[in-house]
Amino acid sequence: MHLSVWRDGANLYAGGSGPYGMAEEGAAFAAGILSALRPLCAVGAPTPASYLRLVPSHWAGAFACWGLETREAALRFITGVRGTEQDAANFEVKCFDLAANPYLVVGALTAAGLHGIREGQALPQPITGDPARYSDDEQAELDIRRLPTTLDEAVTELAGCYFLREQMGKTLADAVLAVRRAEAERFHGASAAEVVAALRWVF
């Protein structure tokens, strides 16, 4: 999922004084998404098969961190070719997949980003290279967090994320959690091959 944030016709990821030309609001929007990526996985990585893909060192974005053109980071910043930054600069959310409902994804990312702006959140230091190669101490220092490794784990994160559930509204949030829990239960104990065989042609 690629996204940019605009105000009054201007891209908030170009021409600003923040990291790599971001405006302050653009950086806060990205920080809001980054801080909520673990619960957001229940929306954007919605099946047990999603977590077969979300493994380190496979360009899937298995760690909650960000960087400039860093393909192993879950949040990858792209400035675009020189001279096109105003139109092209954007973030890619790498940890989501095509099984996700696009309307839920856009709504949840927008809610997280706006929460980041309201809270005045700031991006941590960007990373370079593969975060899986950082030591535990380095990951802690740079606030690099492993994303959920199962749908069950992602659902628990979303259930505990008050502001996302509030923004969804009780009816929608309860429905999403119920469907995800049922999907996780359906495949409890299934092998990777069984998960793939069951879901290959569904989405």
N, C-alpha and C. Protein backbone atom coordinates (compact mmCIF):
# COMPACT_ATOMS: atom_id res chain seq x y z
N MET A 1 0.85 -1.18 0.00
CA MET A 1 0.00 0.00 0.00
C MET A 1 0.89 1.24 0.00
N HIS A 2 0.74 2.07 -1.02
CA HIS A 2 1.47 3.34 -1.10
C HIS A 2 0.53 4.47 -0.73
N LEU A 3 1.01 5.43 0.03
CA LEU A 3 0.17 6.57 0.38
C LEU A 3 1.00 7.82 0.60
N SER A 4 0.39 8.95 0.28
CA SER A 4 0.97 10.24 0.59
C SER A 4 -0.11 11.10 1.21
N VAL A 5 0.28 12.19 1.85
CA VAL A 5 -0.64 13.08 2.54
C VAL A 5 -0.47 14.48 1.97
N TRP A 6 -1.58 15.11 1.63
CA TRP A 6 -1.54 16.41 0.97
C TRP A 6 -2.36 17.43 1.75
N ARG A 7 -1.93 18.69 1.69
CA ARG A 7 -2.70 19.81 2.25
C ARG A 7 -2.61 20.99 1.29
N ASP A 8 -3.76 21.53 0.92
CA ASP A 8 -3.81 22.70 0.02
C ASP A 8 -3.00 22.48 -1.25
N GLY A 9 -3.10 21.27 -1.79
CA GLY A 9 -2.42 20.97 -3.05
C GLY A 9 -0.95 20.66 -2.94
N ALA A 10 -0.42 20.58 -1.72
CA ALA A 10 1.01 20.33 -1.53
C ALA A 10 1.22 18.99 -0.85
N ASN A 11 2.16 18.22 -1.36
CA ASN A 11 2.52 16.93 -0.79
C ASN A 11 3.31 17.16 0.49
N LEU A 12 2.83 16.62 1.61
CA LEU A 12 3.50 16.83 2.89
C LEU A 12 4.73 15.94 3.06
N TYR A 13 5.10 15.20 2.01
CA TYR A 13 6.32 14.40 2.05
C TYR A 13 7.41 14.97 1.16
N ALA A 14 7.27 16.23 0.79
CA ALA A 14 8.29 16.88 -0.03
C ALA A 14 8.33 18.37 0.31
N GLY A 15 9.51 18.94 0.23
CA GLY A 15 9.67 20.38 0.40
C GLY A 15 9.61 20.86 1.83
N GLY A 16 9.59 19.94 2.80
CA GLY A 16 9.55 20.35 4.20
C GLY A 16 10.92 20.34 4.85
N SER A 17 10.94 20.62 6.13
CA SER A 17 12.21 20.71 6.87
C SER A 17 12.50 19.44 7.67
N GLY A 18 11.62 18.43 7.56
CA GLY A 18 11.81 17.20 8.31
C GLY A 18 12.67 16.20 7.57
N PRO A 19 12.71 14.96 8.04
CA PRO A 19 13.55 13.93 7.42
C PRO A 19 13.25 13.77 5.93
N TYR A 20 14.29 13.83 5.12
CA TYR A 20 14.19 13.62 3.68
C TYR A 20 13.15 14.53 3.03
N GLY A 21 12.94 15.73 3.60
CA GLY A 21 12.04 16.70 3.00
C GLY A 21 10.60 16.62 3.46
N MET A 22 10.30 15.80 4.46
CA MET A 22 8.93 15.72 4.96
C MET A 22 8.54 17.00 5.70
N ALA A 23 7.28 17.38 5.56
CA ALA A 23 6.73 18.41 6.43
C ALA A 23 6.44 17.79 7.80
N GLU A 24 6.32 18.62 8.81
CA GLU A 24 6.10 18.12 10.17
C GLU A 24 4.85 17.25 10.26
N GLU A 25 3.75 17.69 9.64
CA GLU A 25 2.52 16.92 9.70
C GLU A 25 2.66 15.59 8.96
N GLY A 26 3.38 15.60 7.84
CA GLY A 26 3.59 14.36 7.11
C GLY A 26 4.37 13.35 7.92
N ALA A 27 5.40 13.83 8.62
CA ALA A 27 6.19 12.94 9.45
C ALA A 27 5.35 12.39 10.61
N ALA A 28 4.51 13.23 11.21
CA ALA A 28 3.66 12.79 12.32
C ALA A 28 2.63 11.76 11.84
N PHE A 29 2.11 11.94 10.63
CA PHE A 29 1.16 10.99 10.06
C PHE A 29 1.84 9.63 9.91
N ALA A 30 3.04 9.63 9.36
CA ALA A 30 3.79 8.38 9.21
C ALA A 30 4.13 7.76 10.55
N ALA A 31 4.47 8.59 11.52
CA ALA A 31 4.79 8.09 12.86
C ALA A 31 3.57 7.42 13.50
N GLY A 32 2.40 7.97 13.26
CA GLY A 32 1.18 7.36 13.79
C GLY A 32 0.95 5.98 13.22
N ILE A 33 1.19 5.83 11.93
CA ILE A 33 1.05 4.51 11.30
C ILE A 33 2.10 3.55 11.86
N LEU A 34 3.34 4.01 11.94
CA LEU A 34 4.41 3.16 12.42
C LEU A 34 4.14 2.65 13.83
N SER A 35 3.66 3.54 14.71
CA SER A 35 3.44 3.15 16.09
C SER A 35 2.28 2.16 16.23
N ALA A 36 1.38 2.14 15.23
CA ALA A 36 0.20 1.27 15.29
C ALA A 36 0.31 0.07 14.37
N LEU A 37 1.47 -0.19 13.81
CA LEU A 37 1.58 -1.25 12.80
C LEU A 37 1.24 -2.63 13.34
N ARG A 38 1.55 -2.91 14.59
CA ARG A 38 1.25 -4.25 15.11
C ARG A 38 -0.27 -4.50 15.13
N PRO A 39 -1.10 -3.64 15.71
CA PRO A 39 -2.54 -3.87 15.59
C PRO A 39 -3.06 -3.72 14.17
N LEU A 40 -2.45 -2.86 13.37
CA LEU A 40 -2.90 -2.69 11.99
C LEU A 40 -2.75 -3.97 11.17
N CYS A 41 -1.85 -4.84 11.59
CA CYS A 41 -1.67 -6.10 10.85
C CYS A 41 -2.96 -6.92 10.82
N ALA A 42 -3.78 -6.80 11.84
CA ALA A 42 -5.05 -7.54 11.85
C ALA A 42 -5.99 -7.05 10.76
N VAL A 43 -5.76 -5.85 10.26
CA VAL A 43 -6.55 -5.30 9.16
C VAL A 43 -5.88 -5.58 7.82
N GLY A 44 -4.59 -5.32 7.73
CA GLY A 44 -3.89 -5.39 6.45
C GLY A 44 -3.23 -6.71 6.14
N ALA A 45 -3.08 -7.59 7.13
CA ALA A 45 -2.55 -8.94 6.92
C ALA A 45 -3.56 -9.89 7.55
N PRO A 46 -4.70 -10.13 6.89
CA PRO A 46 -5.90 -10.63 7.55
C PRO A 46 -6.08 -12.14 7.60
N THR A 47 -5.17 -12.92 7.05
CA THR A 47 -5.35 -14.36 7.04
C THR A 47 -4.12 -15.07 7.62
N PRO A 48 -4.27 -16.32 8.01
CA PRO A 48 -3.08 -17.08 8.45
C PRO A 48 -2.00 -17.13 7.38
N ALA A 49 -2.39 -17.13 6.12
CA ALA A 49 -1.40 -17.15 5.04
C ALA A 49 -0.55 -15.88 5.03
N SER A 50 -1.12 -14.77 5.50
CA SER A 50 -0.37 -13.51 5.53
C SER A 50 0.91 -13.65 6.33
N TYR A 51 0.87 -14.48 7.37
CA TYR A 51 2.01 -14.59 8.28
C TYR A 51 3.03 -15.62 7.79
N LEU A 52 2.67 -16.38 6.76
CA LEU A 52 3.68 -17.19 6.06
C LEU A 52 4.57 -16.29 5.22
N ARG A 53 4.03 -15.15 4.79
CA ARG A 53 4.78 -14.18 4.00
C ARG A 53 5.61 -13.24 4.88
N LEU A 54 5.09 -12.90 6.06
CA LEU A 54 5.74 -11.90 6.90
C LEU A 54 6.90 -12.49 7.67
N VAL A 55 7.96 -12.82 6.96
CA VAL A 55 9.15 -13.37 7.60
C VAL A 55 10.33 -12.45 7.31
N PRO A 56 11.29 -12.40 8.23
CA PRO A 56 12.43 -11.50 8.03
C PRO A 56 13.26 -11.86 6.80
N SER A 57 13.92 -10.84 6.27
CA SER A 57 14.90 -10.98 5.20
C SER A 57 14.30 -11.50 3.89
N HIS A 58 13.02 -11.20 3.66
CA HIS A 58 12.35 -11.58 2.41
C HIS A 58 11.63 -10.40 1.76
N TRP A 59 12.01 -9.16 2.11
CA TRP A 59 11.42 -7.95 1.55
C TRP A 59 9.93 -7.83 1.87
N ALA A 60 9.49 -8.48 2.93
CA ALA A 60 8.08 -8.43 3.29
C ALA A 60 7.77 -7.34 4.31
N GLY A 61 8.80 -6.76 4.95
CA GLY A 61 8.57 -5.75 5.97
C GLY A 61 8.09 -6.36 7.28
N ALA A 62 8.87 -7.29 7.82
CA ALA A 62 8.46 -8.03 9.01
C ALA A 62 8.75 -7.30 10.31
N PHE A 63 9.37 -6.12 10.24
CA PHE A 63 9.71 -5.36 11.44
C PHE A 63 9.10 -3.96 11.34
N ALA A 64 8.52 -3.50 12.46
CA ALA A 64 7.99 -2.14 12.54
C ALA A 64 9.15 -1.17 12.69
N CYS A 65 9.55 -0.60 11.57
CA CYS A 65 10.61 0.40 11.51
C CYS A 65 10.45 1.09 10.16
N TRP A 66 11.26 2.13 9.92
CA TRP A 66 11.14 2.82 8.64
C TRP A 66 12.52 3.21 8.15
N GLY A 67 12.60 3.50 6.86
CA GLY A 67 13.85 3.95 6.28
C GLY A 67 13.65 4.41 4.85
N LEU A 68 14.61 5.14 4.35
CA LEU A 68 14.58 5.63 2.98
C LEU A 68 14.91 4.48 2.03
N GLU A 69 13.94 4.09 1.22
CA GLU A 69 14.12 3.02 0.24
C GLU A 69 14.61 1.72 0.89
N THR A 70 14.26 1.52 2.16
CA THR A 70 14.69 0.32 2.88
C THR A 70 13.65 -0.77 2.69
N ARG A 71 13.94 -1.74 1.87
CA ARG A 71 12.94 -2.73 1.47
C ARG A 71 12.60 -3.72 2.57
N GLU A 72 13.41 -3.81 3.60
CA GLU A 72 13.11 -4.72 4.70
C GLU A 72 12.32 -4.03 5.82
N ALA A 73 12.17 -2.71 5.73
CA ALA A 73 11.39 -2.00 6.73
C ALA A 73 9.91 -2.08 6.38
N ALA A 74 9.05 -2.21 7.39
CA ALA A 74 7.61 -2.27 7.12
C ALA A 74 7.10 -0.97 6.53
N LEU A 75 7.76 0.15 6.86
CA LEU A 75 7.38 1.45 6.33
C LEU A 75 8.57 2.00 5.53
N ARG A 76 8.41 1.99 4.22
CA ARG A 76 9.50 2.38 3.31
C ARG A 76 9.18 3.74 2.72
N PHE A 77 10.09 4.71 2.92
CA PHE A 77 9.89 6.05 2.37
C PHE A 77 10.55 6.14 1.00
N ILE A 78 9.81 6.74 0.07
CA ILE A 78 10.26 6.86 -1.32
C ILE A 78 10.15 8.32 -1.71
N THR A 79 11.25 8.93 -2.10
CA THR A 79 11.20 10.35 -2.49
C THR A 79 10.83 10.53 -3.95
N GLY A 80 11.08 9.53 -4.78
CA GLY A 80 10.87 9.68 -6.22
C GLY A 80 12.14 10.18 -6.90
N VAL A 81 12.13 10.16 -8.20
CA VAL A 81 13.27 10.63 -8.99
C VAL A 81 13.46 12.13 -8.75
N ARG A 82 14.70 12.55 -8.70
CA ARG A 82 14.99 13.96 -8.44
C ARG A 82 14.21 14.85 -9.42
N GLY A 83 13.55 15.83 -8.86
CA GLY A 83 12.73 16.73 -9.65
C GLY A 83 11.26 16.36 -9.65
N THR A 84 10.94 15.16 -9.19
CA THR A 84 9.53 14.73 -9.14
C THR A 84 9.03 14.58 -7.71
N GLU A 85 9.85 14.97 -6.74
CA GLU A 85 9.51 14.71 -5.34
C GLU A 85 8.14 15.24 -4.94
N GLN A 86 7.79 16.44 -5.42
CA GLN A 86 6.53 17.05 -4.99
C GLN A 86 5.33 16.19 -5.36
N ASP A 87 5.43 15.48 -6.46
CA ASP A 87 4.33 14.61 -6.86
C ASP A 87 4.52 13.17 -6.40
N ALA A 88 5.77 12.73 -6.31
CA ALA A 88 6.04 11.29 -6.15
C ALA A 88 6.31 10.83 -4.73
N ALA A 89 6.76 11.71 -3.84
CA ALA A 89 7.18 11.26 -2.52
C ALA A 89 6.02 10.60 -1.77
N ASN A 90 6.28 9.42 -1.20
CA ASN A 90 5.22 8.67 -0.53
C ASN A 90 5.83 7.62 0.39
N PHE A 91 4.96 7.00 1.20
CA PHE A 91 5.34 5.86 2.02
C PHE A 91 4.71 4.60 1.45
N GLU A 92 5.45 3.51 1.51
CA GLU A 92 4.90 2.20 1.20
C GLU A 92 4.76 1.41 2.50
N VAL A 93 3.57 0.87 2.75
CA VAL A 93 3.35 -0.03 3.87
C VAL A 93 3.54 -1.45 3.33
N LYS A 94 4.66 -2.06 3.64
CA LYS A 94 5.06 -3.31 3.00
C LYS A 94 4.47 -4.56 3.64
N CYS A 95 3.96 -4.44 4.86
CA CYS A 95 3.54 -5.63 5.60
C CYS A 95 2.11 -6.05 5.30
N PHE A 96 1.39 -5.30 4.48
CA PHE A 96 0.02 -5.66 4.12
C PHE A 96 0.02 -6.49 2.84
N ASP A 97 -1.09 -7.21 2.60
CA ASP A 97 -1.15 -8.03 1.38
C ASP A 97 -2.53 -7.92 0.74
N LEU A 98 -2.69 -8.59 -0.40
CA LEU A 98 -3.88 -8.41 -1.22
C LEU A 98 -5.11 -9.14 -0.70
N ALA A 99 -4.98 -9.86 0.40
CA ALA A 99 -6.17 -10.45 1.02
C ALA A 99 -6.95 -9.41 1.82
N ALA A 100 -6.35 -8.25 2.05
CA ALA A 100 -6.97 -7.22 2.88
C ALA A 100 -8.11 -6.54 2.14
N ASN A 101 -9.11 -6.11 2.90
CA ASN A 101 -10.19 -5.27 2.38
C ASN A 101 -9.63 -3.86 2.19
N PRO A 102 -9.62 -3.35 0.95
CA PRO A 102 -8.98 -2.04 0.72
C PRO A 102 -9.65 -0.89 1.46
N TYR A 103 -10.95 -0.97 1.67
CA TYR A 103 -11.65 0.09 2.38
C TYR A 103 -11.25 0.11 3.85
N LEU A 104 -11.16 -1.07 4.46
CA LEU A 104 -10.71 -1.14 5.85
C LEU A 104 -9.27 -0.67 5.98
N VAL A 105 -8.43 -1.04 5.02
CA VAL A 105 -7.02 -0.64 5.07
C VAL A 105 -6.89 0.87 5.00
N VAL A 106 -7.54 1.50 4.04
CA VAL A 106 -7.43 2.96 3.89
C VAL A 106 -7.98 3.66 5.14
N GLY A 107 -9.11 3.18 5.64
CA GLY A 107 -9.69 3.80 6.83
C GLY A 107 -8.80 3.65 8.05
N ALA A 108 -8.25 2.45 8.25
CA ALA A 108 -7.41 2.20 9.42
C ALA A 108 -6.10 2.99 9.35
N LEU A 109 -5.49 3.03 8.17
CA LEU A 109 -4.25 3.80 8.03
C LEU A 109 -4.50 5.29 8.24
N THR A 110 -5.61 5.78 7.72
CA THR A 110 -5.95 7.20 7.91
C THR A 110 -6.17 7.50 9.39
N ALA A 111 -6.88 6.61 10.08
CA ALA A 111 -7.12 6.81 11.51
C ALA A 111 -5.81 6.83 12.29
N ALA A 112 -4.91 5.90 11.96
CA ALA A 112 -3.62 5.85 12.67
C ALA A 112 -2.77 7.08 12.37
N GLY A 113 -2.76 7.50 11.11
CA GLY A 113 -1.99 8.68 10.75
C GLY A 113 -2.50 9.95 11.41
N LEU A 114 -3.82 10.13 11.42
CA LEU A 114 -4.40 11.32 12.06
C LEU A 114 -4.17 11.29 13.57
N HIS A 115 -4.19 10.09 14.15
CA HIS A 115 -3.85 9.96 15.57
C HIS A 115 -2.42 10.42 15.82
N GLY A 116 -1.52 10.08 14.90
CA GLY A 116 -0.14 10.53 15.02
C GLY A 116 -0.02 12.04 14.98
N ILE A 117 -0.82 12.69 14.11
CA ILE A 117 -0.80 14.16 14.04
C ILE A 117 -1.36 14.76 15.32
N ARG A 118 -2.50 14.23 15.79
CA ARG A 118 -3.11 14.77 17.02
C ARG A 118 -2.19 14.63 18.22
N GLU A 119 -1.45 13.52 18.27
CA GLU A 119 -0.57 13.26 19.41
C GLU A 119 0.81 13.88 19.24
N GLY A 120 1.06 14.50 18.09
CA GLY A 120 2.37 15.10 17.83
C GLY A 120 3.49 14.08 17.81
N GLN A 121 3.22 12.90 17.28
CA GLN A 121 4.22 11.83 17.27
C GLN A 121 5.36 12.17 16.31
N ALA A 122 6.53 11.64 16.63
CA ALA A 122 7.72 11.86 15.81
C ALA A 122 8.27 10.52 15.36
N LEU A 123 8.80 10.49 14.17
CA LEU A 123 9.43 9.27 13.67
C LEU A 123 10.72 9.00 14.43
N PRO A 124 11.00 7.73 14.73
CA PRO A 124 12.31 7.40 15.30
C PRO A 124 13.38 7.51 14.23
N GLN A 125 14.58 7.21 14.60
CA GLN A 125 15.68 7.24 13.64
C GLN A 125 15.43 6.22 12.52
N PRO A 126 15.65 6.60 11.26
CA PRO A 126 15.48 5.63 10.18
C PRO A 126 16.55 4.55 10.22
N ILE A 127 16.23 3.41 9.65
CA ILE A 127 17.22 2.33 9.59
C ILE A 127 17.73 2.19 8.17
N THR A 128 18.84 1.52 8.04
CA THR A 128 19.36 1.11 6.73
C THR A 128 19.64 -0.39 6.79
N GLY A 129 19.47 -1.04 5.67
CA GLY A 129 19.76 -2.47 5.64
C GLY A 129 18.64 -3.30 6.26
N ASP A 130 18.98 -4.52 6.61
CA ASP A 130 18.02 -5.50 7.10
C ASP A 130 17.94 -5.43 8.62
N PRO A 131 16.77 -5.07 9.19
CA PRO A 131 16.68 -4.97 10.66
C PRO A 131 16.90 -6.31 11.36
N ALA A 132 16.72 -7.42 10.66
CA ALA A 132 16.96 -8.73 11.28
C ALA A 132 18.42 -8.92 11.65
N ARG A 133 19.30 -8.14 11.03
CA ARG A 133 20.73 -8.26 11.31
C ARG A 133 21.18 -7.40 12.48
N TYR A 134 20.29 -6.58 13.00
CA TYR A 134 20.63 -5.76 14.16
C TYR A 134 20.57 -6.63 15.42
N SER A 135 21.41 -6.33 16.37
CA SER A 135 21.37 -7.04 17.65
C SER A 135 20.11 -6.64 18.42
N ASP A 136 19.78 -7.42 19.44
CA ASP A 136 18.62 -7.09 20.27
C ASP A 136 18.76 -5.70 20.88
N ASP A 137 19.97 -5.36 21.32
CA ASP A 137 20.20 -4.04 21.91
C ASP A 137 20.01 -2.94 20.87
N GLU A 138 20.50 -3.17 19.67
CA GLU A 138 20.35 -2.17 18.60
C GLU A 138 18.88 -2.01 18.22
N GLN A 139 18.15 -3.12 18.16
CA GLN A 139 16.73 -3.03 17.85
C GLN A 139 15.99 -2.24 18.92
N ALA A 140 16.31 -2.48 20.18
CA ALA A 140 15.67 -1.75 21.27
C ALA A 140 15.99 -0.26 21.20
N GLU A 141 17.25 0.05 20.91
CA GLU A 141 17.67 1.46 20.84
C GLU A 141 16.98 2.19 19.70
N LEU A 142 16.77 1.52 18.58
CA LEU A 142 16.16 2.13 17.40
C LEU A 142 14.64 1.93 17.35
N ASP A 143 14.08 1.32 18.40
CA ASP A 143 12.63 1.06 18.48
C ASP A 143 12.16 0.21 17.29
N ILE A 144 12.94 -0.81 16.97
CA ILE A 144 12.58 -1.77 15.92
C ILE A 144 11.84 -2.92 16.59
N ARG A 145 10.60 -3.15 16.16
CA ARG A 145 9.77 -4.18 16.79
C ARG A 145 9.34 -5.21 15.75
N ARG A 146 9.43 -6.46 16.09
CA ARG A 146 8.94 -7.52 15.21
C ARG A 146 7.43 -7.43 15.12
N LEU A 147 6.90 -7.54 13.92
CA LEU A 147 5.46 -7.56 13.74
C LEU A 147 4.91 -8.92 14.16
N PRO A 148 3.60 -9.02 14.38
CA PRO A 148 3.02 -10.30 14.77
C PRO A 148 3.43 -11.42 13.82
N THR A 149 3.59 -12.61 14.39
CA THR A 149 3.98 -13.77 13.58
C THR A 149 2.80 -14.70 13.32
N THR A 150 1.65 -14.41 13.92
CA THR A 150 0.43 -15.19 13.67
C THR A 150 -0.75 -14.24 13.65
N LEU A 151 -1.85 -14.70 13.03
CA LEU A 151 -3.07 -13.91 13.02
C LEU A 151 -3.61 -13.74 14.43
N ASP A 152 -3.51 -14.77 15.26
CA ASP A 152 -3.94 -14.67 16.66
C ASP A 152 -3.25 -13.50 17.37
N GLU A 153 -1.95 -13.38 17.16
CA GLU A 153 -1.18 -12.31 17.81
C GLU A 153 -1.64 -10.94 17.32
N ALA A 154 -1.88 -10.83 16.01
CA ALA A 154 -2.34 -9.55 15.46
C ALA A 154 -3.72 -9.18 15.99
N VAL A 155 -4.61 -10.15 16.11
CA VAL A 155 -5.95 -9.89 16.64
C VAL A 155 -5.87 -9.41 18.09
N THR A 156 -5.01 -10.01 18.88
CA THR A 156 -4.82 -9.57 20.27
C THR A 156 -4.34 -8.12 20.31
N GLU A 157 -3.44 -7.76 19.40
CA GLU A 157 -2.95 -6.38 19.32
C GLU A 157 -4.09 -5.42 18.98
N LEU A 158 -4.92 -5.78 17.99
CA LEU A 158 -6.02 -4.89 17.61
C LEU A 158 -7.04 -4.78 18.73
N ALA A 159 -7.34 -5.88 19.39
CA ALA A 159 -8.29 -5.85 20.50
C ALA A 159 -7.83 -4.91 21.61
N GLY A 160 -6.52 -4.76 21.77
CA GLY A 160 -5.98 -3.90 22.81
C GLY A 160 -5.69 -2.48 22.37
N CYS A 161 -5.99 -2.16 21.11
CA CYS A 161 -5.70 -0.82 20.58
C CYS A 161 -6.97 0.02 20.63
N TYR A 162 -7.13 0.77 21.70
CA TYR A 162 -8.39 1.48 21.95
C TYR A 162 -8.72 2.47 20.83
N PHE A 163 -7.74 3.28 20.41
CA PHE A 163 -8.09 4.34 19.48
C PHE A 163 -8.51 3.79 18.11
N LEU A 164 -7.89 2.69 17.66
CA LEU A 164 -8.30 2.10 16.39
C LEU A 164 -9.71 1.53 16.48
N ARG A 165 -10.01 0.84 17.56
CA ARG A 165 -11.35 0.29 17.73
C ARG A 165 -12.38 1.42 17.84
N GLU A 166 -12.02 2.50 18.52
CA GLU A 166 -12.92 3.64 18.65
C GLU A 166 -13.19 4.27 17.29
N GLN A 167 -12.14 4.42 16.47
CA GLN A 167 -12.31 5.02 15.15
C GLN A 167 -13.14 4.12 14.23
N MET A 168 -13.00 2.82 14.35
CA MET A 168 -13.81 1.90 13.56
C MET A 168 -15.28 1.95 13.96
N GLY A 169 -15.51 2.19 15.24
CA GLY A 169 -16.85 2.06 15.79
C GLY A 169 -17.05 0.64 16.30
N LYS A 170 -17.88 0.50 17.32
CA LYS A 170 -18.02 -0.79 17.98
C LYS A 170 -18.49 -1.89 17.05
N THR A 171 -19.47 -1.59 16.21
CA THR A 171 -20.05 -2.62 15.35
C THR A 171 -19.00 -3.17 14.38
N LEU A 172 -18.28 -2.27 13.71
CA LEU A 172 -17.27 -2.71 12.75
C LEU A 172 -16.10 -3.38 13.45
N ALA A 173 -15.62 -2.77 14.53
CA ALA A 173 -14.47 -3.35 15.23
C ALA A 173 -14.79 -4.75 15.75
N ASP A 174 -15.97 -4.92 16.32
CA ASP A 174 -16.35 -6.24 16.82
C ASP A 174 -16.45 -7.25 15.69
N ALA A 175 -16.96 -6.81 14.54
CA ALA A 175 -17.09 -7.70 13.38
C ALA A 175 -15.73 -8.13 12.86
N VAL A 176 -14.80 -7.17 12.75
CA VAL A 176 -13.45 -7.50 12.27
C VAL A 176 -12.78 -8.48 13.21
N LEU A 177 -12.87 -8.23 14.50
CA LEU A 177 -12.24 -9.12 15.47
C LEU A 177 -12.87 -10.51 15.43
N ALA A 178 -14.18 -10.58 15.30
CA ALA A 178 -14.85 -11.88 15.26
C ALA A 178 -14.45 -12.68 14.03
N VAL A 179 -14.40 -12.02 12.88
CA VAL A 179 -14.02 -12.72 11.64
C VAL A 179 -12.57 -13.19 11.71
N ARG A 180 -11.68 -12.33 12.21
CA ARG A 180 -10.27 -12.72 12.29
C ARG A 180 -10.09 -13.88 13.27
N ARG A 181 -10.78 -13.84 14.40
CA ARG A 181 -10.66 -14.92 15.37
C ARG A 181 -11.17 -16.24 14.78
N ALA A 182 -12.27 -16.16 14.04
CA ALA A 182 -12.81 -17.37 13.41
C ALA A 182 -11.85 -17.93 12.37
N GLU A 183 -11.21 -17.04 11.61
CA GLU A 183 -10.24 -17.48 10.61
C GLU A 183 -9.03 -18.14 11.27
N ALA A 184 -8.57 -17.54 12.36
CA ALA A 184 -7.44 -18.12 13.08
C ALA A 184 -7.80 -19.49 13.65
N GLU A 185 -9.00 -19.59 14.20
CA GLU A 185 -9.44 -20.86 14.78
C GLU A 185 -9.60 -21.93 13.70
N ARG A 186 -10.10 -21.53 12.55
CA ARG A 186 -10.30 -22.48 11.45
C ARG A 186 -9.01 -23.18 11.07
N PHE A 187 -7.91 -22.47 11.12
CA PHE A 187 -6.64 -23.04 10.69
C PHE A 187 -5.72 -23.40 11.85
N HIS A 188 -6.27 -23.42 13.05
CA HIS A 188 -5.45 -23.79 14.21
C HIS A 188 -4.87 -25.19 14.01
N GLY A 189 -3.57 -25.30 14.10
CA GLY A 189 -2.90 -26.59 13.94
C GLY A 189 -2.65 -27.01 12.51
N ALA A 190 -3.10 -26.22 11.53
CA ALA A 190 -2.87 -26.56 10.12
C ALA A 190 -1.42 -26.31 9.74
N SER A 191 -0.91 -27.11 8.84
CA SER A 191 0.45 -26.89 8.33
C SER A 191 0.44 -25.73 7.34
N ALA A 192 1.63 -25.22 7.04
CA ALA A 192 1.73 -24.15 6.04
C ALA A 192 1.17 -24.61 4.71
N ALA A 193 1.45 -25.84 4.33
CA ALA A 193 0.96 -26.36 3.05
C ALA A 193 -0.57 -26.41 3.04
N GLU A 194 -1.17 -26.77 4.15
CA GLU A 194 -2.64 -26.83 4.23
C GLU A 194 -3.25 -25.44 4.16
N VAL A 195 -2.61 -24.47 4.81
CA VAL A 195 -3.10 -23.08 4.75
C VAL A 195 -3.04 -22.57 3.32
N VAL A 196 -1.92 -22.80 2.66
CA VAL A 196 -1.75 -22.33 1.29
C VAL A 196 -2.75 -23.00 0.36
N ALA A 197 -2.94 -24.29 0.50
CA ALA A 197 -3.87 -25.01 -0.36
C ALA A 197 -5.30 -24.51 -0.20
N ALA A 198 -5.67 -24.18 1.03
CA ALA A 198 -7.04 -23.73 1.30
C ALA A 198 -7.29 -22.30 0.82
N LEU A 199 -6.27 -21.45 0.84
CA LEU A 199 -6.48 -20.02 0.57
C LEU A 199 -5.91 -19.55 -0.76
N ARG A 200 -5.21 -20.41 -1.48
CA ARG A 200 -4.52 -19.98 -2.69
C ARG A 200 -5.42 -19.21 -3.66
N TRP A 201 -6.63 -19.69 -3.89
CA TRP A 201 -7.48 -19.09 -4.93
C TRP A 201 -8.65 -18.32 -4.34
N VAL A 202 -8.60 -18.01 -3.05
CA VAL A 202 -9.73 -17.34 -2.41
C VAL A 202 -9.74 -15.84 -2.69
N PHE A 203 -8.58 -15.22 -2.68
CA PHE A 203 -8.52 -13.75 -2.77
C PHE A 203 -8.01 -13.31 -4.13
